[in-house]
Amino acid sequence: MPVKHDLYQDLKISKDTAAKLEGQNGHFLGLVNKYKAADDAVVEAEAKNAIGVSDESLLELKAKRLKIKDQIADYVHQAEKGLSN
Protein backbone atom coordinates (compact mmCIF):
# COMPACT_ATOMS: atom_id res chain seq x y z
CA MET A 1 0.00 0.00 0.00
CA PRO A 2 1.41 3.42 -0.97
CA VAL A 3 2.37 5.69 1.91
CA LYS A 4 2.54 9.49 1.99
CA HIS A 5 5.93 10.95 2.86
CA ASP A 6 6.31 13.15 5.92
CA LEU A 7 8.27 16.02 4.44
CA TYR A 8 9.36 17.57 7.70
CA GLN A 9 10.45 14.27 9.20
CA ASP A 10 12.45 13.47 6.05
CA LEU A 11 14.20 16.84 6.27
CA LYS A 12 14.54 16.70 10.07
CA ILE A 13 12.55 19.91 10.51
CA SER A 14 10.48 20.35 13.64
CA LYS A 15 6.79 21.12 13.21
CA ASP A 16 7.39 24.43 15.03
CA THR A 17 10.14 25.46 12.64
CA ALA A 18 8.02 24.45 9.67
CA ALA A 19 5.05 26.46 10.94
CA LYS A 20 7.29 29.49 11.52
CA LEU A 21 8.74 29.30 7.99
CA GLU A 22 5.30 28.79 6.46
CA GLY A 23 3.97 31.83 8.31
CA GLN A 24 6.91 34.04 7.39
CA ASN A 25 7.25 33.31 3.71
CA GLY A 26 4.65 32.73 1.05
CA HIS A 27 7.25 31.22 -1.28
CA PHE A 28 8.11 28.54 1.28
CA LEU A 29 4.44 27.78 1.85
CA GLY A 30 3.93 27.54 -1.91
CA LEU A 31 6.78 25.04 -2.18
CA VAL A 32 5.28 22.97 0.63
CA ASN A 33 1.90 22.97 -1.09
CA LYS A 34 3.53 21.94 -4.38
CA TYR A 35 5.34 19.13 -2.55
CA LYS A 36 2.10 17.89 -0.99
CA ALA A 37 0.39 17.87 -4.39
CA ALA A 38 3.34 16.02 -5.96
CA ASP A 39 3.36 13.49 -3.11
CA ASP A 40 -0.39 12.95 -3.53
CA ALA A 41 0.18 12.31 -7.25
CA VAL A 42 2.90 9.73 -6.49
CA VAL A 43 0.75 7.96 -3.91
CA GLU A 44 -2.19 7.87 -6.33
CA ALA A 45 -0.01 6.58 -9.17
CA GLU A 46 1.45 3.88 -6.92
CA ALA A 47 -2.05 2.83 -5.90
CA LYS A 48 -3.08 2.62 -9.57
CA ASN A 49 0.10 0.85 -10.64
CA ALA A 50 -1.80 -2.37 -11.13
CA ILE A 51 -4.22 -0.67 -13.54
CA GLY A 52 -1.93 1.00 -16.01
CA VAL A 53 0.39 3.68 -14.63
CA SER A 54 3.69 3.07 -16.38
CA ASP A 55 6.95 2.81 -14.51
CA GLU A 56 8.22 5.76 -16.57
CA SER A 57 5.30 7.96 -15.48
CA LEU A 58 5.80 6.99 -11.86
CA LEU A 59 9.51 7.80 -12.06
CA GLU A 60 8.71 11.21 -13.56
CA LEU A 61 6.31 11.96 -10.72
CA LYS A 62 8.88 10.90 -8.14
CA ALA A 63 11.56 13.04 -9.81
CA LYS A 64 9.24 16.06 -9.70
CA ARG A 65 8.53 15.45 -6.01
CA LEU A 66 12.26 15.11 -5.26
CA LYS A 67 13.07 18.35 -7.11
CA ILE A 68 10.54 20.25 -4.99
CA LYS A 69 11.86 18.58 -1.83
CA ASP A 70 15.39 19.69 -2.76
CA GLN A 71 14.16 23.27 -3.21
CA ILE A 72 12.55 23.15 0.24
CA ALA A 73 15.72 21.72 1.78
CA ASP A 74 17.78 24.51 0.17
CA TYR A 75 15.37 27.12 1.49
CA VAL A 76 15.52 25.69 5.02
CA HIS A 77 19.31 25.56 4.87
CA GLN A 78 19.47 29.22 3.83
CA ALA A 79 17.00 30.19 6.56
CA GLU A 80 19.09 28.37 9.17
CA LYS A 81 22.24 30.15 7.94
CA GLY A 82 20.44 33.48 8.29
CA LEU A 83 19.40 32.67 11.84
CA SER A 84 22.94 31.78 12.88
CA ASN A 85 24.45 35.05 11.58
PDB file of N, CA and C in Angstrom:
ATOM      1  N   MET A   1       0.844  -1.189   0.000  1.00  0.00           N
ATOM      2  CA  MET A   1       0.000   0.000   0.000  1.00  0.00           C
ATOM      3  C   MET A   1       0.886   1.249   0.000  1.00  0.00           C
ATOM      4  N   PRO A   2       0.632   2.175  -0.899  1.00  0.00           N
ATOM      5  CA  PRO A   2       1.412   3.421  -0.968  1.00  0.00           C
ATOM      6  C   PRO A   2       1.272   4.239   0.311  1.00  0.00           C
ATOM      7  N   VAL A   3       2.352   4.900   0.687  1.00  0.00           N
ATOM      8  CA  VAL A   3       2.369   5.692   1.913  1.00  0.00           C
ATOM      9  C   VAL A   3       2.831   7.101   1.588  1.00  0.00           C
ATOM     10  N   LYS A   4       2.133   8.091   2.148  1.00  0.00           N
ATOM     11  CA  LYS A   4       2.535   9.492   1.987  1.00  0.00           C
ATOM     12  C   LYS A   4       3.840   9.729   2.738  1.00  0.00           C
ATOM     13  N   HIS A   5       4.674  10.595   2.203  1.00  0.00           N
ATOM     14  CA  HIS A   5       5.931  10.950   2.859  1.00  0.00           C
ATOM     15  C   HIS A   5       5.702  12.110   3.819  1.00  0.00           C
ATOM     16  N   ASP A   6       6.341  12.038   4.972  1.00  0.00           N
ATOM     17  CA  ASP A   6       6.308  13.149   5.924  1.00  0.00           C
ATOM     18  C   ASP A   6       7.494  14.047   5.605  1.00  0.00           C
ATOM     19  N   LEU A   7       7.227  15.124   4.905  1.00  0.00           N
ATOM     20  CA  LEU A   7       8.273  16.024   4.435  1.00  0.00           C
ATOM     21  C   LEU A   7       9.167  16.507   5.561  1.00  0.00           C
ATOM     22  N   TYR A   8       8.571  16.978   6.620  1.00  0.00           N
ATOM     23  CA  TYR A   8       9.356  17.567   7.703  1.00  0.00           C
ATOM     24  C   TYR A   8      10.188  16.526   8.439  1.00  0.00           C
ATOM     25  N   GLN A   9       9.671  15.336   8.577  1.00  0.00           N
ATOM     26  CA  GLN A   9      10.446  14.269   9.197  1.00  0.00           C
ATOM     27  C   GLN A   9      11.627  13.903   8.298  1.00  0.00           C
ATOM     28  N   ASP A  10      11.377  13.795   6.997  1.00  0.00           N
ATOM     29  CA  ASP A  10      12.447  13.469   6.052  1.00  0.00           C
ATOM     30  C   ASP A  10      13.573  14.495   6.101  1.00  0.00           C
ATOM     31  N   LEU A  11      13.210  15.767   6.265  1.00  0.00           N
ATOM     32  CA  LEU A  11      14.204  16.842   6.272  1.00  0.00           C
ATOM     33  C   LEU A  11      14.697  17.188   7.681  1.00  0.00           C
ATOM     34  N   LYS A  12      14.177  16.465   8.663  1.00  0.00           N
ATOM     35  CA  LYS A  12      14.539  16.696  10.067  1.00  0.00           C
ATOM     36  C   LYS A  12      14.247  18.136  10.497  1.00  0.00           C
ATOM     37  N   ILE A  13      13.029  18.586  10.146  1.00  0.00           N
ATOM     38  CA  ILE A  13      12.554  19.914  10.509  1.00  0.00           C
ATOM     39  C   ILE A  13      11.443  19.733  11.534  1.00  0.00           C
ATOM     40  N   SER A  14      11.539  20.455  12.636  1.00  0.00           N
ATOM     41  CA  SER A  14      10.476  20.351  13.638  1.00  0.00           C
ATOM     42  C   SER A  14       9.199  20.983  13.095  1.00  0.00           C
ATOM     43  N   LYS A  15       8.078  20.553  13.619  1.00  0.00           N
ATOM     44  CA  LYS A  15       6.785  21.122  13.209  1.00  0.00           C
ATOM     45  C   LYS A  15       6.744  22.617  13.542  1.00  0.00           C
ATOM     46  N   ASP A  16       7.357  23.014  14.653  1.00  0.00           N
ATOM     47  CA  ASP A  16       7.389  24.429  15.030  1.00  0.00           C
ATOM     48  C   ASP A  16       8.176  25.260  14.018  1.00  0.00           C
ATOM     49  N   THR A  17       9.329  24.755  13.629  1.00  0.00           N
ATOM     50  CA  THR A  17      10.145  25.460  12.640  1.00  0.00           C
ATOM     51  C   THR A  17       9.404  25.559  11.317  1.00  0.00           C
ATOM     52  N   ALA A  18       8.771  24.466  10.915  1.00  0.00           N
ATOM     53  CA  ALA A  18       8.017  24.454   9.669  1.00  0.00           C
ATOM     54  C   ALA A  18       6.887  25.482   9.710  1.00  0.00           C
ATOM     55  N   ALA A  19       6.164  25.511  10.814  1.00  0.00           N
ATOM     56  CA  ALA A  19       5.053  26.463  10.937  1.00  0.00           C
ATOM     57  C   ALA A  19       5.568  27.899  10.887  1.00  0.00           C
ATOM     58  N   LYS A  20       6.700  28.147  11.519  1.00  0.00           N
ATOM     59  CA  LYS A  20       7.289  29.490  11.517  1.00  0.00           C
ATOM     60  C   LYS A  20       7.677  29.899  10.092  1.00  0.00           C
ATOM     61  N   LEU A  21       8.338  29.002   9.370  1.00  0.00           N
ATOM     62  CA  LEU A  21       8.740  29.303   7.994  1.00  0.00           C
ATOM     63  C   LEU A  21       7.526  29.497   7.087  1.00  0.00           C
ATOM     64  N   GLU A  22       6.514  28.665   7.272  1.00  0.00           N
ATOM     65  CA  GLU A  22       5.300  28.789   6.461  1.00  0.00           C
ATOM     66  C   GLU A  22       4.608  30.129   6.705  1.00  0.00           C
ATOM     67  N   GLY A  23       4.616  30.568   7.967  1.00  0.00           N
ATOM     68  CA  GLY A  23       3.969  31.831   8.312  1.00  0.00           C
ATOM     69  C   GLY A  23       4.745  33.047   7.857  1.00  0.00           C
ATOM     70  N   GLN A  24       6.052  32.908   7.737  1.00  0.00           N
ATOM     71  CA  GLN A  24       6.905  34.045   7.389  1.00  0.00           C
ATOM     72  C   GLN A  24       7.061  34.255   5.888  1.00  0.00           C
ATOM     73  N   ASN A  25       6.889  33.186   5.113  1.00  0.00           N
ATOM     74  CA  ASN A  25       7.250  33.313   3.713  1.00  0.00           C
ATOM     75  C   ASN A  25       6.276  32.575   2.815  1.00  0.00           C
ATOM     76  N   GLY A  26       5.609  33.320   1.970  1.00  0.00           N
ATOM     77  CA  GLY A  26       4.650  32.731   1.050  1.00  0.00           C
ATOM     78  C   GLY A  26       5.297  31.792   0.042  1.00  0.00           C
ATOM     79  N   HIS A  27       6.546  32.082  -0.339  1.00  0.00           N
ATOM     80  CA  HIS A  27       7.254  31.216  -1.281  1.00  0.00           C
ATOM     81  C   HIS A  27       7.468  29.834  -0.663  1.00  0.00           C
ATOM     82  N   PHE A  28       7.897  29.812   0.588  1.00  0.00           N
ATOM     83  CA  PHE A  28       8.111  28.538   1.278  1.00  0.00           C
ATOM     84  C   PHE A  28       6.799  27.757   1.358  1.00  0.00           C
ATOM     85  N   LEU A  29       5.736  28.432   1.743  1.00  0.00           N
ATOM     86  CA  LEU A  29       4.435  27.780   1.845  1.00  0.00           C
ATOM     87  C   LEU A  29       4.002  27.242   0.483  1.00  0.00           C
ATOM     88  N   GLY A  30       4.257  27.997  -0.562  1.00  0.00           N
ATOM     89  CA  GLY A  30       3.933  27.536  -1.913  1.00  0.00           C
ATOM     90  C   GLY A  30       4.692  26.276  -2.289  1.00  0.00           C
ATOM     91  N   LEU A  31       5.979  26.239  -1.923  1.00  0.00           N
ATOM     92  CA  LEU A  31       6.778  25.036  -2.184  1.00  0.00           C
ATOM     93  C   LEU A  31       6.223  23.836  -1.430  1.00  0.00           C
ATOM     94  N   VAL A  32       5.839  24.062  -0.174  1.00  0.00           N
ATOM     95  CA  VAL A  32       5.280  22.973   0.633  1.00  0.00           C
ATOM     96  C   VAL A  32       3.984  22.466   0.000  1.00  0.00           C
ATOM     97  N   ASN A  33       3.151  23.372  -0.450  1.00  0.00           N
ATOM     98  CA  ASN A  33       1.897  22.968  -1.091  1.00  0.00           C
ATOM     99  C   ASN A  33       2.157  22.214  -2.397  1.00  0.00           C
ATOM    100  N   LYS A  34       3.164  22.654  -3.160  1.00  0.00           N
ATOM    101  CA  LYS A  34       3.532  21.942  -4.380  1.00  0.00           C
ATOM    102  C   LYS A  34       4.041  20.545  -4.044  1.00  0.00           C
ATOM    103  N   TYR A  35       4.822  20.441  -2.965  1.00  0.00           N
ATOM    104  CA  TYR A  35       5.335  19.132  -2.550  1.00  0.00           C
ATOM    105  C   TYR A  35       4.185  18.198  -2.179  1.00  0.00           C
ATOM    106  N   LYS A  36       3.235  18.716  -1.403  1.00  0.00           N
ATOM    107  CA  LYS A  36       2.102  17.885  -0.986  1.00  0.00           C
ATOM    108  C   LYS A  36       1.308  17.401  -2.195  1.00  0.00           C
ATOM    109  N   ALA A  37       1.109  18.262  -3.180  1.00  0.00           N
ATOM    110  CA  ALA A  37       0.393  17.866  -4.389  1.00  0.00           C
ATOM    111  C   ALA A  37       1.183  16.811  -5.167  1.00  0.00           C
ATOM    112  N   ALA A  38       2.499  16.994  -5.254  1.00  0.00           N
ATOM    113  CA  ALA A  38       3.338  16.023  -5.956  1.00  0.00           C
ATOM    114  C   ALA A  38       3.333  14.684  -5.220  1.00  0.00           C
ATOM    115  N   ASP A  39       3.388  14.728  -3.895  1.00  0.00           N
ATOM    116  CA  ASP A  39       3.356  13.493  -3.107  1.00  0.00           C
ATOM    117  C   ASP A  39       2.025  12.779  -3.291  1.00  0.00           C
ATOM    118  N   ASP A  40       0.931  13.543  -3.291  1.00  0.00           N
ATOM    119  CA  ASP A  40      -0.389  12.948  -3.530  1.00  0.00           C
ATOM    120  C   ASP A  40      -0.431  12.256  -4.892  1.00  0.00           C
ATOM    121  N   ALA A  41       0.171  12.885  -5.903  1.00  0.00           N
ATOM    122  CA  ALA A  41       0.181  12.306  -7.246  1.00  0.00           C
ATOM    123  C   ALA A  41       0.971  10.997  -7.273  1.00  0.00           C
ATOM    124  N   VAL A  42       2.094  10.958  -6.552  1.00  0.00           N
ATOM    125  CA  VAL A  42       2.899   9.731  -6.494  1.00  0.00           C
ATOM    126  C   VAL A  42       2.116   8.630  -5.792  1.00  0.00           C
ATOM    127  N   VAL A  43       1.520   8.957  -4.661  1.00  0.00           N
ATOM    128  CA  VAL A  43       0.746   7.958  -3.914  1.00  0.00           C
ATOM    129  C   VAL A  43      -0.396   7.418  -4.765  1.00  0.00           C
ATOM    130  N   GLU A  44      -1.081   8.306  -5.472  1.00  0.00           N
ATOM    131  CA  GLU A  44      -2.189   7.875  -6.331  1.00  0.00           C
ATOM    132  C   GLU A  44      -1.677   6.988  -7.464  1.00  0.00           C
ATOM    133  N   ALA A  45      -0.573   7.375  -8.076  1.00  0.00           N
ATOM    134  CA  ALA A  45      -0.012   6.577  -9.170  1.00  0.00           C
ATOM    135  C   ALA A  45       0.436   5.212  -8.668  1.00  0.00           C
ATOM    136  N   GLU A  46       1.033   5.167  -7.487  1.00  0.00           N
ATOM    137  CA  GLU A  46       1.451   3.881  -6.923  1.00  0.00           C
ATOM    138  C   GLU A  46       0.236   2.998  -6.642  1.00  0.00           C
ATOM    139  N   ALA A  47      -0.838   3.594  -6.184  1.00  0.00           N
ATOM    140  CA  ALA A  47      -2.055   2.833  -5.897  1.00  0.00           C
ATOM    141  C   ALA A  47      -2.663   2.295  -7.191  1.00  0.00           C
ATOM    142  N   LYS A  48      -2.500   3.020  -8.278  1.00  0.00           N
ATOM    143  CA  LYS A  48      -3.078   2.618  -9.568  1.00  0.00           C
ATOM    144  C   LYS A  48      -2.095   1.831 -10.425  1.00  0.00           C
ATOM    145  N   ASN A  49      -0.931   1.532  -9.881  1.00  0.00           N
ATOM    146  CA  ASN A  49       0.103   0.850 -10.642  1.00  0.00           C
ATOM    147  C   ASN A  49      -0.427  -0.421 -11.299  1.00  0.00           C
ATOM    148  N   ALA A  50      -1.278  -1.116 -10.600  1.00  0.00           N
ATOM    149  CA  ALA A  50      -1.800  -2.370 -11.135  1.00  0.00           C
ATOM    150  C   ALA A  50      -2.758  -2.142 -12.307  1.00  0.00           C
ATOM    151  N   ILE A  51      -3.242  -0.906 -12.470  1.00  0.00           N
ATOM    152  CA  ILE A  51      -4.218  -0.666 -13.542  1.00  0.00           C
ATOM    153  C   ILE A  51      -3.711   0.302 -14.601  1.00  0.00           C
ATOM    154  N   GLY A  52      -2.414   0.323 -14.820  1.00  0.00           N
ATOM    155  CA  GLY A  52      -1.932   0.998 -16.006  1.00  0.00           C
ATOM    156  C   GLY A  52      -1.032   2.208 -15.879  1.00  0.00           C
ATOM    157  N   VAL A  53      -0.570   2.585 -14.715  1.00  0.00           N
ATOM    158  CA  VAL A  53       0.394   3.682 -14.628  1.00  0.00           C
ATOM    159  C   VAL A  53       1.767   3.092 -14.941  1.00  0.00           C
ATOM    160  N   SER A  54       2.397   3.625 -15.958  1.00  0.00           N
ATOM    161  CA  SER A  54       3.688   3.070 -16.378  1.00  0.00           C
ATOM    162  C   SER A  54       4.780   3.400 -15.364  1.00  0.00           C
ATOM    163  N   ASP A  55       5.802   2.566 -15.372  1.00  0.00           N
ATOM    164  CA  ASP A  55       6.950   2.815 -14.510  1.00  0.00           C
ATOM    165  C   ASP A  55       7.591   4.157 -14.844  1.00  0.00           C
ATOM    166  N   GLU A  56       7.626   4.491 -16.129  1.00  0.00           N
ATOM    167  CA  GLU A  56       8.217   5.760 -16.567  1.00  0.00           C
ATOM    168  C   GLU A  56       7.442   6.946 -15.992  1.00  0.00           C
ATOM    169  N   SER A  57       6.127   6.874 -16.029  1.00  0.00           N
ATOM    170  CA  SER A  57       5.295   7.956 -15.476  1.00  0.00           C
ATOM    171  C   SER A  57       5.508   8.094 -13.977  1.00  0.00           C
ATOM    172  N   LEU A  58       5.582   6.961 -13.306  1.00  0.00           N
ATOM    173  CA  LEU A  58       5.795   6.986 -11.857  1.00  0.00           C
ATOM    174  C   LEU A  58       7.157   7.593 -11.524  1.00  0.00           C
ATOM    175  N   LEU A  59       8.177   7.229 -12.286  1.00  0.00           N
ATOM    176  CA  LEU A  59       9.509   7.796 -12.064  1.00  0.00           C
ATOM    177  C   LEU A  59       9.525   9.301 -12.291  1.00  0.00           C
ATOM    178  N   GLU A  60       8.788   9.765 -13.298  1.00  0.00           N
ATOM    179  CA  GLU A  60       8.713  11.206 -13.563  1.00  0.00           C
ATOM    180  C   GLU A  60       8.047  11.935 -12.397  1.00  0.00           C
ATOM    181  N   LEU A  61       6.983  11.352 -11.864  1.00  0.00           N
ATOM    182  CA  LEU A  61       6.305  11.961 -10.716  1.00  0.00           C
ATOM    183  C   LEU A  61       7.218  12.010  -9.501  1.00  0.00           C
ATOM    184  N   LYS A  62       7.961  10.949  -9.279  1.00  0.00           N
ATOM    185  CA  LYS A  62       8.881  10.901  -8.140  1.00  0.00           C
ATOM    186  C   LYS A  62      10.019  11.911  -8.315  1.00  0.00           C
ATOM    187  N   ALA A  63      10.501  12.068  -9.542  1.00  0.00           N
ATOM    188  CA  ALA A  63      11.562  13.042  -9.808  1.00  0.00           C
ATOM    189  C   ALA A  63      11.061  14.460  -9.545  1.00  0.00           C
ATOM    190  N   LYS A  64       9.823  14.743  -9.948  1.00  0.00           N
ATOM    191  CA  LYS A  64       9.238  16.061  -9.701  1.00  0.00           C
ATOM    192  C   LYS A  64       9.136  16.321  -8.199  1.00  0.00           C
ATOM    193  N   ARG A  65       8.659  15.312  -7.462  1.00  0.00           N
ATOM    194  CA  ARG A  65       8.531  15.446  -6.009  1.00  0.00           C
ATOM    195  C   ARG A  65       9.900  15.693  -5.371  1.00  0.00           C
ATOM    196  N   LEU A  66      10.915  14.958  -5.814  1.00  0.00           N
ATOM    197  CA  LEU A  66      12.255  15.110  -5.265  1.00  0.00           C
ATOM    198  C   LEU A  66      12.830  16.498  -5.556  1.00  0.00           C
ATOM    199  N   LYS A  67      12.579  17.005  -6.753  1.00  0.00           N
ATOM    200  CA  LYS A  67      13.073  18.347  -7.105  1.00  0.00           C
ATOM    201  C   LYS A  67      12.479  19.399  -6.172  1.00  0.00           C
ATOM    202  N   ILE A  68      11.195  19.297  -5.897  1.00  0.00           N
ATOM    203  CA  ILE A  68      10.541  20.246  -4.988  1.00  0.00           C
ATOM    204  C   ILE A  68      11.098  20.088  -3.580  1.00  0.00           C
ATOM    205  N   LYS A  69      11.299  18.853  -3.164  1.00  0.00           N
ATOM    206  CA  LYS A  69      11.858  18.583  -1.830  1.00  0.00           C
ATOM    207  C   LYS A  69      13.255  19.201  -1.709  1.00  0.00           C
ATOM    208  N   ASP A  70      14.056  19.085  -2.758  1.00  0.00           N
ATOM    209  CA  ASP A  70      15.391  19.691  -2.756  1.00  0.00           C
ATOM    210  C   ASP A  70      15.311  21.212  -2.638  1.00  0.00           C
ATOM    211  N   GLN A  71      14.338  21.820  -3.310  1.00  0.00           N
ATOM    212  CA  GLN A  71      14.158  23.274  -3.213  1.00  0.00           C
ATOM    213  C   GLN A  71      13.788  23.667  -1.778  1.00  0.00           C
ATOM    214  N   ILE A  72      12.944  22.882  -1.148  1.00  0.00           N
ATOM    215  CA  ILE A  72      12.553  23.151   0.236  1.00  0.00           C
ATOM    216  C   ILE A  72      13.758  22.998   1.157  1.00  0.00           C
ATOM    217  N   ALA A  73      14.530  21.944   0.956  1.00  0.00           N
ATOM    218  CA  ALA A  73      15.724  21.721   1.782  1.00  0.00           C
ATOM    219  C   ALA A  73      16.707  22.876   1.627  1.00  0.00           C
ATOM    220  N   ASP A  74      16.897  23.363   0.400  1.00  0.00           N
ATOM    221  CA  ASP A  74      17.782  24.510   0.167  1.00  0.00           C
ATOM    222  C   ASP A  74      17.265  25.747   0.895  1.00  0.00           C
ATOM    223  N   TYR A  75      15.960  25.964   0.826  1.00  0.00           N
ATOM    224  CA  TYR A  75      15.368  27.119   1.489  1.00  0.00           C
ATOM    225  C   TYR A  75      15.583  27.038   2.999  1.00  0.00           C
ATOM    226  N   VAL A  76      15.346  25.867   3.566  1.00  0.00           N
ATOM    227  CA  VAL A  76      15.519  25.688   5.020  1.00  0.00           C
ATOM    228  C   VAL A  76      16.974  25.902   5.398  1.00  0.00           C
ATOM    229  N   HIS A  77      17.883  25.382   4.593  1.00  0.00           N
ATOM    230  CA  HIS A  77      19.309  25.559   4.865  1.00  0.00           C
ATOM    231  C   HIS A  77      19.688  27.040   4.872  1.00  0.00           C
ATOM    232  N   GLN A  78      19.195  27.783   3.888  1.00  0.00           N
ATOM    233  CA  GLN A  78      19.471  29.220   3.828  1.00  0.00           C
ATOM    234  C   GLN A  78      18.853  29.954   5.018  1.00  0.00           C
ATOM    235  N   ALA A  79      17.654  29.561   5.411  1.00  0.00           N
ATOM    236  CA  ALA A  79      17.000  30.185   6.557  1.00  0.00           C
ATOM    237  C   ALA A  79      17.788  29.922   7.831  1.00  0.00           C
ATOM    238  N   GLU A  80      18.296  28.712   7.981  1.00  0.00           N
ATOM    239  CA  GLU A  80      19.087  28.369   9.167  1.00  0.00           C
ATOM    240  C   GLU A  80      20.391  29.155   9.187  1.00  0.00           C
ATOM    241  N   LYS A  81      21.010  29.348   8.015  1.00  0.00           N
ATOM    242  CA  LYS A  81      22.237  30.148   7.938  1.00  0.00           C
ATOM    243  C   LYS A  81      21.960  31.579   8.362  1.00  0.00           C
ATOM    244  N   GLY A  82      20.814  32.108   7.946  1.00  0.00           N
ATOM    245  CA  GLY A  82      20.441  33.477   8.295  1.00  0.00           C
ATOM    246  C   GLY A  82      20.200  33.635   9.790  1.00  0.00           C
ATOM    247  N   LEU A  83      19.662  32.601  10.411  1.00  0.00           N
ATOM    248  CA  LEU A  83      19.405  32.668  11.845  1.00  0.00           C
ATOM    249  C   LEU A  83      20.685  32.602  12.661  1.00  0.00           C
ATOM    250  N   SER A  84      21.717  31.932  12.113  1.00  0.00           N
ATOM    251  CA  SER A  84      22.935  31.780  12.876  1.00  0.00           C
ATOM    252  C   SER A  84      23.885  32.969  12.710  1.00  0.00           C
ATOM    253  N   ASN A  85      23.584  33.863  11.794  1.00  0.00           N
ATOM    254  CA  ASN A  85      24.446  35.051  11.584  1.00  0.00           C
ATOM    255  C   ASN A  85      24.043  36.185  12.485  1.00  0.00           C
TER     256      ASN A  85
END
